[in-house]
Amino acid sequence: MKVLIDIPDSEVTFAMKVLKSLSFVKKAQPIGEASVKLWGDLNEAAEEVRLHKQGKIKLQTAQELLNELKYNCYSPIY
Protein backbone atom coordinates (compact mmCIF):
# COMPACT_ATOMS: atom_id res chain seq x y z
CA MET A 1 0.00 0.00 0.00
CA LYS A 2 1.14 3.52 -0.71
CA VAL A 3 0.46 6.50 1.53
CA LEU A 4 0.89 10.14 0.56
CA ILE A 5 1.81 12.45 3.43
CA ASP A 6 1.88 16.25 3.10
CA ILE A 7 4.71 17.60 5.27
CA PRO A 8 6.01 21.17 5.54
CA ASP A 9 9.34 21.63 3.74
CA SER A 10 11.02 22.54 7.01
CA GLU A 11 10.19 19.08 8.47
CA VAL A 12 11.03 16.85 5.49
CA THR A 13 14.50 15.82 6.68
CA PHE A 14 13.22 14.74 10.10
CA ALA A 15 10.15 13.00 8.67
CA MET A 16 12.26 11.06 6.16
CA LYS A 17 14.59 9.87 8.93
CA VAL A 18 11.61 8.70 10.98
CA LEU A 19 9.97 6.90 8.05
CA LYS A 20 13.18 5.19 6.98
CA SER A 21 13.79 4.00 10.55
CA LEU A 22 10.53 2.03 10.58
CA SER A 23 11.13 -1.62 9.68
CA PHE A 24 7.81 -2.00 7.85
CA VAL A 25 8.41 0.96 5.50
CA LYS A 26 9.70 -0.47 2.21
CA LYS A 27 10.52 2.83 0.52
CA ALA A 28 10.28 6.48 1.50
CA GLN A 29 11.15 9.24 -0.92
CA PRO A 30 9.98 12.82 -1.40
CA ILE A 31 8.08 13.69 -4.56
CA GLY A 32 7.49 17.08 -6.14
CA GLU A 33 4.26 19.02 -6.50
CA ALA A 34 4.04 18.16 -10.22
CA SER A 35 4.12 14.44 -9.40
CA VAL A 36 1.46 14.88 -6.71
CA LYS A 37 -0.79 16.71 -9.19
CA LEU A 38 -0.25 14.05 -11.85
CA TRP A 39 -1.06 11.29 -9.34
CA GLY A 40 -4.25 13.12 -8.35
CA ASP A 41 -5.26 13.62 -11.98
CA LEU A 42 -4.71 9.93 -12.74
CA ASN A 43 -6.77 8.88 -9.71
CA GLU A 44 -9.57 11.23 -10.78
CA ALA A 45 -9.52 9.81 -14.31
CA ALA A 46 -9.62 6.25 -12.98
CA GLU A 47 -12.61 7.14 -10.80
CA GLU A 48 -14.42 8.65 -13.81
CA VAL A 49 -13.81 5.46 -15.82
CA ARG A 50 -15.15 3.38 -12.90
CA LEU A 51 -18.30 5.52 -12.70
CA HIS A 52 -18.74 5.32 -16.48
CA LYS A 53 -18.52 1.52 -16.38
CA GLN A 54 -21.22 1.52 -13.69
CA GLY A 55 -23.40 3.69 -15.93
CA LYS A 56 -23.41 6.58 -13.47
CA ILE A 57 -21.76 9.14 -15.78
CA LYS A 58 -21.30 9.58 -19.52
CA LEU A 59 -17.80 10.31 -20.79
CA GLN A 60 -16.91 12.35 -23.86
CA THR A 61 -16.17 10.50 -27.06
CA ALA A 62 -12.78 11.01 -28.69
CA GLN A 63 -14.46 13.11 -31.38
CA GLU A 64 -16.13 15.36 -28.78
CA LEU A 65 -12.76 15.86 -27.10
CA LEU A 66 -11.06 16.73 -30.39
CA ASN A 67 -13.83 19.20 -31.23
CA GLU A 68 -13.48 20.82 -27.81
CA LEU A 69 -9.71 21.12 -28.20
CA LYS A 70 -10.09 22.53 -31.71
CA TYR A 71 -12.67 25.09 -30.55
CA ASN A 72 -10.57 26.20 -27.57
CA CYS A 73 -7.44 26.43 -29.69
CA TYR A 74 -8.92 28.71 -32.33
CA SER A 75 -11.35 30.81 -30.33
CA PRO A 76 -10.16 34.26 -29.26
CA ILE A 77 -9.75 34.89 -25.55
CA TYR A 78 -11.44 38.06 -24.31
PDB file of N, CA and C in Angstrom:
ATOM      1  N   MET A   1       0.847  -1.173   0.000  1.00  0.00           N
ATOM      2  CA  MET A   1       0.000   0.000   0.000  1.00  0.00           C
ATOM      3  C   MET A   1       0.889   1.231   0.000  1.00  0.00           C
ATOM      4  N   LYS A   2       0.410   2.264  -0.661  1.00  0.00           N
ATOM      5  CA  LYS A   2       1.141   3.519  -0.713  1.00  0.00           C
ATOM      6  C   LYS A   2       0.350   4.582   0.042  1.00  0.00           C
ATOM      7  N   VAL A   3       1.074   5.437   0.754  1.00  0.00           N
ATOM      8  CA  VAL A   3       0.457   6.504   1.532  1.00  0.00           C
ATOM      9  C   VAL A   3       1.142   7.805   1.160  1.00  0.00           C
ATOM     10  N   LEU A   4       0.354   8.823   0.878  1.00  0.00           N
ATOM     11  CA  LEU A   4       0.886  10.144   0.558  1.00  0.00           C
ATOM     12  C   LEU A   4       0.719  11.028   1.783  1.00  0.00           C
ATOM     13  N   ILE A   5       1.823  11.608   2.235  1.00  0.00           N
ATOM     14  CA  ILE A   5       1.806  12.449   3.431  1.00  0.00           C
ATOM     15  C   ILE A   5       2.277  13.841   3.043  1.00  0.00           C
ATOM     16  N   ASP A   6       1.516  14.857   3.388  1.00  0.00           N
ATOM     17  CA  ASP A   6       1.880  16.248   3.096  1.00  0.00           C
ATOM     18  C   ASP A   6       2.588  16.828   4.314  1.00  0.00           C
ATOM     19  N   ILE A   7       3.880  17.127   4.161  1.00  0.00           N
ATOM     20  CA  ILE A   7       4.714  17.596   5.271  1.00  0.00           C
ATOM     21  C   ILE A   7       5.318  18.945   4.900  1.00  0.00           C
ATOM     22  N   PRO A   8       5.366  19.886   5.831  1.00  0.00           N
ATOM     23  CA  PRO A   8       6.012  21.171   5.537  1.00  0.00           C
ATOM     24  C   PRO A   8       7.477  20.953   5.140  1.00  0.00           C
ATOM     25  N   ASP A   9       7.963  21.761   4.215  1.00  0.00           N
ATOM     26  CA  ASP A   9       9.343  21.633   3.738  1.00  0.00           C
ATOM     27  C   ASP A   9      10.351  21.641   4.878  1.00  0.00           C
ATOM     28  N   SER A  10      10.075  22.418   5.896  1.00  0.00           N
ATOM     29  CA  SER A  10      11.019  22.537   7.014  1.00  0.00           C
ATOM     30  C   SER A  10      11.139  21.247   7.831  1.00  0.00           C
ATOM     31  N   GLU A  11      10.198  20.315   7.677  1.00  0.00           N
ATOM     32  CA  GLU A  11      10.191  19.082   8.465  1.00  0.00           C
ATOM     33  C   GLU A  11      10.524  17.837   7.645  1.00  0.00           C
ATOM     34  N   VAL A  12      10.818  18.009   6.360  1.00  0.00           N
ATOM     35  CA  VAL A  12      11.031  16.852   5.488  1.00  0.00           C
ATOM     36  C   VAL A  12      12.200  15.991   5.947  1.00  0.00           C
ATOM     37  N   THR A  13      13.318  16.594   6.282  1.00  0.00           N
ATOM     38  CA  THR A  13      14.499  15.822   6.683  1.00  0.00           C
ATOM     39  C   THR A  13      14.192  14.936   7.884  1.00  0.00           C
ATOM     40  N   PHE A  14      13.574  15.508   8.903  1.00  0.00           N
ATOM     41  CA  PHE A  14      13.222  14.737  10.101  1.00  0.00           C
ATOM     42  C   PHE A  14      12.219  13.637   9.764  1.00  0.00           C
ATOM     43  N   ALA A  15      11.192  13.976   9.004  1.00  0.00           N
ATOM     44  CA  ALA A  15      10.153  12.998   8.665  1.00  0.00           C
ATOM     45  C   ALA A  15      10.736  11.834   7.866  1.00  0.00           C
ATOM     46  N   MET A  16      11.641  12.120   6.946  1.00  0.00           N
ATOM     47  CA  MET A  16      12.257  11.055   6.155  1.00  0.00           C
ATOM     48  C   MET A  16      13.089  10.131   7.040  1.00  0.00           C
ATOM     49  N   LYS A  17      13.806  10.702   8.003  1.00  0.00           N
ATOM     50  CA  LYS A  17      14.589   9.872   8.931  1.00  0.00           C
ATOM     51  C   LYS A  17      13.669   8.952   9.726  1.00  0.00           C
ATOM     52  N   VAL A  18      12.565   9.498  10.196  1.00  0.00           N
ATOM     53  CA  VAL A  18      11.611   8.697  10.977  1.00  0.00           C
ATOM     54  C   VAL A  18      11.028   7.581  10.117  1.00  0.00           C
ATOM     55  N   LEU A  19      10.571   7.917   8.922  1.00  0.00           N
ATOM     56  CA  LEU A  19       9.966   6.904   8.052  1.00  0.00           C
ATOM     57  C   LEU A  19      10.954   5.800   7.698  1.00  0.00           C
ATOM     58  N   LYS A  20      12.177   6.185   7.360  1.00  0.00           N
ATOM     59  CA  LYS A  20      13.184   5.189   6.976  1.00  0.00           C
ATOM     60  C   LYS A  20      13.612   4.314   8.152  1.00  0.00           C
ATOM     61  N   SER A  21      13.414   4.795   9.373  1.00  0.00           N
ATOM     62  CA  SER A  21      13.794   4.003  10.548  1.00  0.00           C
ATOM     63  C   SER A  21      12.765   2.924  10.886  1.00  0.00           C
ATOM     64  N   LEU A  22      11.585   3.010  10.311  1.00  0.00           N
ATOM     65  CA  LEU A  22      10.531   2.030  10.582  1.00  0.00           C
ATOM     66  C   LEU A  22      10.761   0.778   9.737  1.00  0.00           C
ATOM     67  N   SER A  23      10.804  -0.368  10.372  1.00  0.00           N
ATOM     68  CA  SER A  23      11.130  -1.619   9.677  1.00  0.00           C
ATOM     69  C   SER A  23      10.100  -2.007   8.618  1.00  0.00           C
ATOM     70  N   PHE A  24       8.858  -1.612   8.792  1.00  0.00           N
ATOM     71  CA  PHE A  24       7.814  -2.004   7.850  1.00  0.00           C
ATOM     72  C   PHE A  24       7.689  -1.069   6.650  1.00  0.00           C
ATOM     73  N   VAL A  25       8.437   0.039   6.635  1.00  0.00           N
ATOM     74  CA  VAL A  25       8.415   0.962   5.497  1.00  0.00           C
ATOM     75  C   VAL A  25       9.390   0.442   4.450  1.00  0.00           C
ATOM     76  N   LYS A  26       8.864   0.078   3.274  1.00  0.00           N
ATOM     77  CA  LYS A  26       9.702  -0.474   2.212  1.00  0.00           C
ATOM     78  C   LYS A  26      10.495   0.615   1.500  1.00  0.00           C
ATOM     79  N   LYS A  27       9.869   1.756   1.272  1.00  0.00           N
ATOM     80  CA  LYS A  27      10.516   2.826   0.521  1.00  0.00           C
ATOM     81  C   LYS A  27       9.904   4.153   0.946  1.00  0.00           C
ATOM     82  N   ALA A  28      10.754   5.133   1.164  1.00  0.00           N
ATOM     83  CA  ALA A  28      10.284   6.481   1.496  1.00  0.00           C
ATOM     84  C   ALA A  28      11.114   7.460   0.685  1.00  0.00           C
ATOM     85  N   GLN A  29      10.430   8.236  -0.143  1.00  0.00           N
ATOM     86  CA  GLN A  29      11.145   9.238  -0.922  1.00  0.00           C
ATOM     87  C   GLN A  29      10.235  10.425  -1.172  1.00  0.00           C
ATOM     88  N   PRO A  30      10.796  11.628  -1.134  1.00  0.00           N
ATOM     89  CA  PRO A  30       9.983  12.816  -1.400  1.00  0.00           C
ATOM     90  C   PRO A  30       9.641  12.905  -2.887  1.00  0.00           C
ATOM     91  N   ILE A  31       8.471  13.454  -3.171  1.00  0.00           N
ATOM     92  CA  ILE A  31       8.075  13.692  -4.558  1.00  0.00           C
ATOM     93  C   ILE A  31       7.667  15.148  -4.698  1.00  0.00           C
ATOM     94  N   GLY A  32       7.797  15.678  -5.891  1.00  0.00           N
ATOM     95  CA  GLY A  32       7.491  17.082  -6.143  1.00  0.00           C
ATOM     96  C   GLY A  32       6.008  17.338  -6.333  1.00  0.00           C
ATOM     97  N   GLU A  33       5.667  18.610  -6.337  1.00  0.00           N
ATOM     98  CA  GLU A  33       4.265  19.016  -6.504  1.00  0.00           C
ATOM     99  C   GLU A  33       3.695  18.555  -7.845  1.00  0.00           C
ATOM    100  N   ALA A  34       4.518  18.588  -8.900  1.00  0.00           N
ATOM    101  CA  ALA A  34       4.040  18.162 -10.218  1.00  0.00           C
ATOM    102  C   ALA A  34       3.644  16.688 -10.192  1.00  0.00           C
ATOM    103  N   SER A  35       4.432  15.870  -9.508  1.00  0.00           N
ATOM    104  CA  SER A  35       4.117  14.440  -9.402  1.00  0.00           C
ATOM    105  C   SER A  35       2.849  14.215  -8.589  1.00  0.00           C
ATOM    106  N   VAL A  36       2.673  14.990  -7.544  1.00  0.00           N
ATOM    107  CA  VAL A  36       1.464  14.882  -6.712  1.00  0.00           C
ATOM    108  C   VAL A  36       0.240  15.232  -7.546  1.00  0.00           C
ATOM    109  N   LYS A  37       0.336  16.304  -8.346  1.00  0.00           N
ATOM    110  CA  LYS A  37      -0.787  16.712  -9.191  1.00  0.00           C
ATOM    111  C   LYS A  37      -1.096  15.634 -10.230  1.00  0.00           C
ATOM    112  N   LEU A  38      -0.050  15.105 -10.856  1.00  0.00           N
ATOM    113  CA  LEU A  38      -0.245  14.048 -11.848  1.00  0.00           C
ATOM    114  C   LEU A  38      -0.921  12.838 -11.214  1.00  0.00           C
ATOM    115  N   TRP A  39      -0.473  12.430 -10.050  1.00  0.00           N
ATOM    116  CA  TRP A  39      -1.059  11.293  -9.339  1.00  0.00           C
ATOM    117  C   TRP A  39      -2.547  11.551  -9.054  1.00  0.00           C
ATOM    118  N   GLY A  40      -2.859  12.765  -8.616  1.00  0.00           N
ATOM    119  CA  GLY A  40      -4.254  13.117  -8.349  1.00  0.00           C
ATOM    120  C   GLY A  40      -5.098  13.094  -9.608  1.00  0.00           C
ATOM    121  N   ASP A  41      -4.542  13.623 -10.704  1.00  0.00           N
ATOM    122  CA  ASP A  41      -5.264  13.620 -11.978  1.00  0.00           C
ATOM    123  C   ASP A  41      -5.534  12.194 -12.463  1.00  0.00           C
ATOM    124  N   LEU A  42      -4.538  11.323 -12.325  1.00  0.00           N
ATOM    125  CA  LEU A  42      -4.712   9.927 -12.741  1.00  0.00           C
ATOM    126  C   LEU A  42      -5.760   9.221 -11.889  1.00  0.00           C
ATOM    127  N   ASN A  43      -5.754   9.481 -10.595  1.00  0.00           N
ATOM    128  CA  ASN A  43      -6.767   8.882  -9.713  1.00  0.00           C
ATOM    129  C   ASN A  43      -8.161   9.376 -10.073  1.00  0.00           C
ATOM    130  N   GLU A  44      -8.272  10.662 -10.383  1.00  0.00           N
ATOM    131  CA  GLU A  44      -9.567  11.227 -10.776  1.00  0.00           C
ATOM    132  C   GLU A  44     -10.055  10.595 -12.078  1.00  0.00           C
ATOM    133  N   ALA A  45      -9.157  10.426 -13.034  1.00  0.00           N
ATOM    134  CA  ALA A  45      -9.524   9.807 -14.308  1.00  0.00           C
ATOM    135  C   ALA A  45      -9.970   8.360 -14.102  1.00  0.00           C
ATOM    136  N   ALA A  46      -9.254   7.634 -13.258  1.00  0.00           N
ATOM    137  CA  ALA A  46      -9.624   6.245 -12.981  1.00  0.00           C
ATOM    138  C   ALA A  46     -11.005   6.171 -12.331  1.00  0.00           C
ATOM    139  N   GLU A  47     -11.296   7.104 -11.443  1.00  0.00           N
ATOM    140  CA  GLU A  47     -12.614   7.144 -10.797  1.00  0.00           C
ATOM    141  C   GLU A  47     -13.704   7.434 -11.824  1.00  0.00           C
ATOM    142  N   GLU A  48     -13.438   8.342 -12.772  1.00  0.00           N
ATOM    143  CA  GLU A  48     -14.423   8.648 -13.812  1.00  0.00           C
ATOM    144  C   GLU A  48     -14.687   7.423 -14.684  1.00  0.00           C
ATOM    145  N   VAL A  49     -13.645   6.679 -15.022  1.00  0.00           N
ATOM    146  CA  VAL A  49     -13.814   5.458 -15.815  1.00  0.00           C
ATOM    147  C   VAL A  49     -14.649   4.446 -15.033  1.00  0.00           C
ATOM    148  N   ARG A  50     -14.379   4.307 -13.737  1.00  0.00           N
ATOM    149  CA  ARG A  50     -15.147   3.379 -12.900  1.00  0.00           C
ATOM    150  C   ARG A  50     -16.630   3.760 -12.889  1.00  0.00           C
ATOM    151  N   LEU A  51     -16.915   5.050 -12.710  1.00  0.00           N
ATOM    152  CA  LEU A  51     -18.304   5.517 -12.698  1.00  0.00           C
ATOM    153  C   LEU A  51     -18.963   5.320 -14.058  1.00  0.00           C
ATOM    154  N   HIS A  52     -18.203   5.525 -15.132  1.00  0.00           N
ATOM    155  CA  HIS A  52     -18.737   5.321 -16.478  1.00  0.00           C
ATOM    156  C   HIS A  52     -19.112   3.848 -16.687  1.00  0.00           C
ATOM    157  N   LYS A  53     -18.248   2.954 -16.237  1.00  0.00           N
ATOM    158  CA  LYS A  53     -18.523   1.523 -16.381  1.00  0.00           C
ATOM    159  C   LYS A  53     -19.763   1.110 -15.597  1.00  0.00           C
ATOM    160  N   GLN A  54     -20.030   1.812 -14.494  1.00  0.00           N
ATOM    161  CA  GLN A  54     -21.220   1.524 -13.690  1.00  0.00           C
ATOM    162  C   GLN A  54     -22.464   2.197 -14.266  1.00  0.00           C
ATOM    163  N   GLY A  55     -22.283   2.997 -15.316  1.00  0.00           N
ATOM    164  CA  GLY A  55     -23.404   3.687 -15.934  1.00  0.00           C
ATOM    165  C   GLY A  55     -23.853   4.927 -15.183  1.00  0.00           C
ATOM    166  N   LYS A  56     -23.033   5.425 -14.277  1.00  0.00           N
ATOM    167  CA  LYS A  56     -23.415   6.582 -13.467  1.00  0.00           C
ATOM    168  C   LYS A  56     -23.078   7.911 -14.136  1.00  0.00           C
ATOM    169  N   ILE A  57     -22.098   7.917 -15.043  1.00  0.00           N
ATOM    170  CA  ILE A  57     -21.763   9.136 -15.785  1.00  0.00           C
ATOM    171  C   ILE A  57     -21.500   8.771 -17.241  1.00  0.00           C
ATOM    172  N   LYS A  58     -21.605   9.778 -18.106  1.00  0.00           N
ATOM    173  CA  LYS A  58     -21.302   9.584 -19.519  1.00  0.00           C
ATOM    174  C   LYS A  58     -20.016  10.344 -19.814  1.00  0.00           C
ATOM    175  N   LEU A  59     -19.056   9.671 -20.429  1.00  0.00           N
ATOM    176  CA  LEU A  59     -17.798  10.315 -20.785  1.00  0.00           C
ATOM    177  C   LEU A  59     -17.862  10.845 -22.208  1.00  0.00           C
ATOM    178  N   GLN A  60     -17.008  11.820 -22.507  1.00  0.00           N
ATOM    179  CA  GLN A  60     -16.911  12.350 -23.858  1.00  0.00           C
ATOM    180  C   GLN A  60     -16.359  11.282 -24.797  1.00  0.00           C
ATOM    181  N   THR A  61     -16.801  11.338 -26.045  1.00  0.00           N
ATOM    182  CA  THR A  61     -16.173  10.500 -27.060  1.00  0.00           C
ATOM    183  C   THR A  61     -14.875  11.176 -27.484  1.00  0.00           C
ATOM    184  N   ALA A  62     -14.036  10.444 -28.189  1.00  0.00           N
ATOM    185  CA  ALA A  62     -12.784  11.014 -28.686  1.00  0.00           C
ATOM    186  C   ALA A  62     -13.081  12.180 -29.625  1.00  0.00           C
ATOM    187  N   GLN A  63     -14.111  12.043 -30.446  1.00  0.00           N
ATOM    188  CA  GLN A  63     -14.462  13.114 -31.383  1.00  0.00           C
ATOM    189  C   GLN A  63     -14.917  14.363 -30.637  1.00  0.00           C
ATOM    190  N   GLU A  64     -15.700  14.205 -29.586  1.00  0.00           N
ATOM    191  CA  GLU A  64     -16.127  15.361 -28.785  1.00  0.00           C
ATOM    192  C   GLU A  64     -14.928  16.060 -28.151  1.00  0.00           C
ATOM    193  N   LEU A  65     -13.967  15.284 -27.681  1.00  0.00           N
ATOM    194  CA  LEU A  65     -12.762  15.861 -27.096  1.00  0.00           C
ATOM    195  C   LEU A  65     -11.970  16.633 -28.140  1.00  0.00           C
ATOM    196  N   LEU A  66     -11.797  16.048 -29.322  1.00  0.00           N
ATOM    197  CA  LEU A  66     -11.064  16.733 -30.393  1.00  0.00           C
ATOM    198  C   LEU A  66     -11.760  18.024 -30.801  1.00  0.00           C
ATOM    199  N   ASN A  67     -13.080  17.986 -30.894  1.00  0.00           N
ATOM    200  CA  ASN A  67     -13.832  19.199 -31.234  1.00  0.00           C
ATOM    201  C   ASN A  67     -13.654  20.272 -30.163  1.00  0.00           C
ATOM    202  N   GLU A  68     -13.670  19.872 -28.909  1.00  0.00           N
ATOM    203  CA  GLU A  68     -13.478  20.817 -27.808  1.00  0.00           C
ATOM    204  C   GLU A  68     -12.082  21.434 -27.867  1.00  0.00           C
ATOM    205  N   LEU A  69     -11.081  20.610 -28.100  1.00  0.00           N
ATOM    206  CA  LEU A  69      -9.709  21.116 -28.204  1.00  0.00           C
ATOM    207  C   LEU A  69      -9.561  22.058 -29.394  1.00  0.00           C
ATOM    208  N   LYS A  70     -10.166  21.694 -30.509  1.00  0.00           N
ATOM    209  CA  LYS A  70     -10.095  22.529 -31.708  1.00  0.00           C
ATOM    210  C   LYS A  70     -10.770  23.872 -31.451  1.00  0.00           C
ATOM    211  N   TYR A  71     -11.944  23.855 -30.832  1.00  0.00           N
ATOM    212  CA  TYR A  71     -12.673  25.087 -30.553  1.00  0.00           C
ATOM    213  C   TYR A  71     -11.878  25.982 -29.612  1.00  0.00           C
ATOM    214  N   ASN A  72     -11.329  25.411 -28.548  1.00  0.00           N
ATOM    215  CA  ASN A  72     -10.573  26.198 -27.569  1.00  0.00           C
ATOM    216  C   ASN A  72      -9.276  26.729 -28.145  1.00  0.00           C
ATOM    217  N   CYS A  73      -8.708  26.018 -29.098  1.00  0.00           N
ATOM    218  CA  CYS A  73      -7.437  26.426 -29.694  1.00  0.00           C
ATOM    219  C   CYS A  73      -7.619  27.628 -30.614  1.00  0.00           C
ATOM    220  N   TYR A  74      -8.722  27.668 -31.340  1.00  0.00           N
ATOM    221  CA  TYR A  74      -8.918  28.713 -32.335  1.00  0.00           C
ATOM    222  C   TYR A  74      -9.842  29.839 -31.902  1.00  0.00           C
ATOM    223  N   SER A  75     -10.448  29.740 -30.754  1.00  0.00           N
ATOM    224  CA  SER A  75     -11.351  30.806 -30.330  1.00  0.00           C
ATOM    225  C   SER A  75     -10.553  31.906 -29.627  1.00  0.00           C
ATOM    226  N   PRO A  76     -10.881  33.157 -29.915  1.00  0.00           N
ATOM    227  CA  PRO A  76     -10.159  34.259 -29.258  1.00  0.00           C
ATOM    228  C   PRO A  76     -10.503  34.328 -27.772  1.00  0.00           C
ATOM    229  N   ILE A  77      -9.543  34.741 -26.993  1.00  0.00           N
ATOM    230  CA  ILE A  77      -9.745  34.893 -25.552  1.00  0.00           C
ATOM    231  C   ILE A  77      -9.984  36.366 -25.265  1.00  0.00           C
ATOM    232  N   TYR A  78     -11.101  36.665 -24.617  1.00  0.00           N
ATOM    233  CA  TYR A  78     -11.439  38.060 -24.309  1.00  0.00           C
ATOM    234  C   TYR A  78     -11.233  38.343 -22.864  1.00  0.00           C
TER     235      TYR A  78
END
